Amino acid sequence: MDLVAGMTQIRGHGNDLIDAYVARPTTEGTFSGVVVAHHMPGLDEWSFEVTRRLAHHGYIAICPNLHYRSGPGSLDVVVQRVRENGGLVDEIVLGDIEASLFYLKSDQLLAKKVGIIGFCSGGRVAYLASAKIGGFDAAVDCWGGNVIPAPERITASQPVSPIEMTEQINCPILGIFGNDDLNPDPDQVNRIEIELKKFGKEFEFHRYDGAGHGFFNWGSSNYRPEQSEHGWQKIFEFWEKTLV
């Protein structure tokens, strides 16, 4: 499907003007939308490609720069600044994600359905958003780290463990995980699944042998093409069920 893509700006948390990358099909018609929560490396080339891939498959997609407030510099410099500051502030991130949802819902081409997908730290964001933001029709958590954080990870910026919000999840959720990952490791994925079952949530998890953290990312040594292709197939099958 033909598409058009490029940078724009939206009003995020606190009415701050932040950058976002948007891709959409060029054909006529109405489309569902997807908010992309980027991984810890930031709004990089791979995040652009993910956003364009969603548009190629018939969705309007937006990836807000969740690191925007961390200042100028190369991606590596900004990420280091984010880490030194103890990570992003959940309240601000959720505000930016909600602004992205509103952006899609206000688009004249958009149908009523909107999903969220996140990778790495963005997977954690997707889990949070599925619980704390009304309006998402589906969520995909790709190897979201720190959904079950170590005690020292509970800070003023990230004050509540996402696993404790499971009861509040208000849409179907898909999980994609590598069995060689360390965060989340297989035991953590088991514990998340137990919580989702406990509260009667609609979900499906897919786990991949021979794959670790970030195995979709073609720019990483962790890239696993076979597992990645199967995972993407499951994602698009999930969207076809939940965002029609």
Foldseek 3Di string as FASTA:
>chain_A
DAKDKDKDWFQFPPRDTFIKIKMAHPDDAAAAAEEEEEALLWCDPQVNVVRNVVRVVGHIYMYTGQLRVQDDDDSVVSSVSCVVVLHAFLVRSLRRSVRVLVVQCPDPRYDQAYEYEYAACGLLNQLQCQQPPPRHAEYERELHFQLPPDPVSCDNRNPDRSLVSLLRRDHEYEYEAECAEVGVHPVVVVVSVVSNVVNVHHYYYDYHYPAYGPCLDPVDPRDDVVSNVVVVVVVVVVCVVGGD
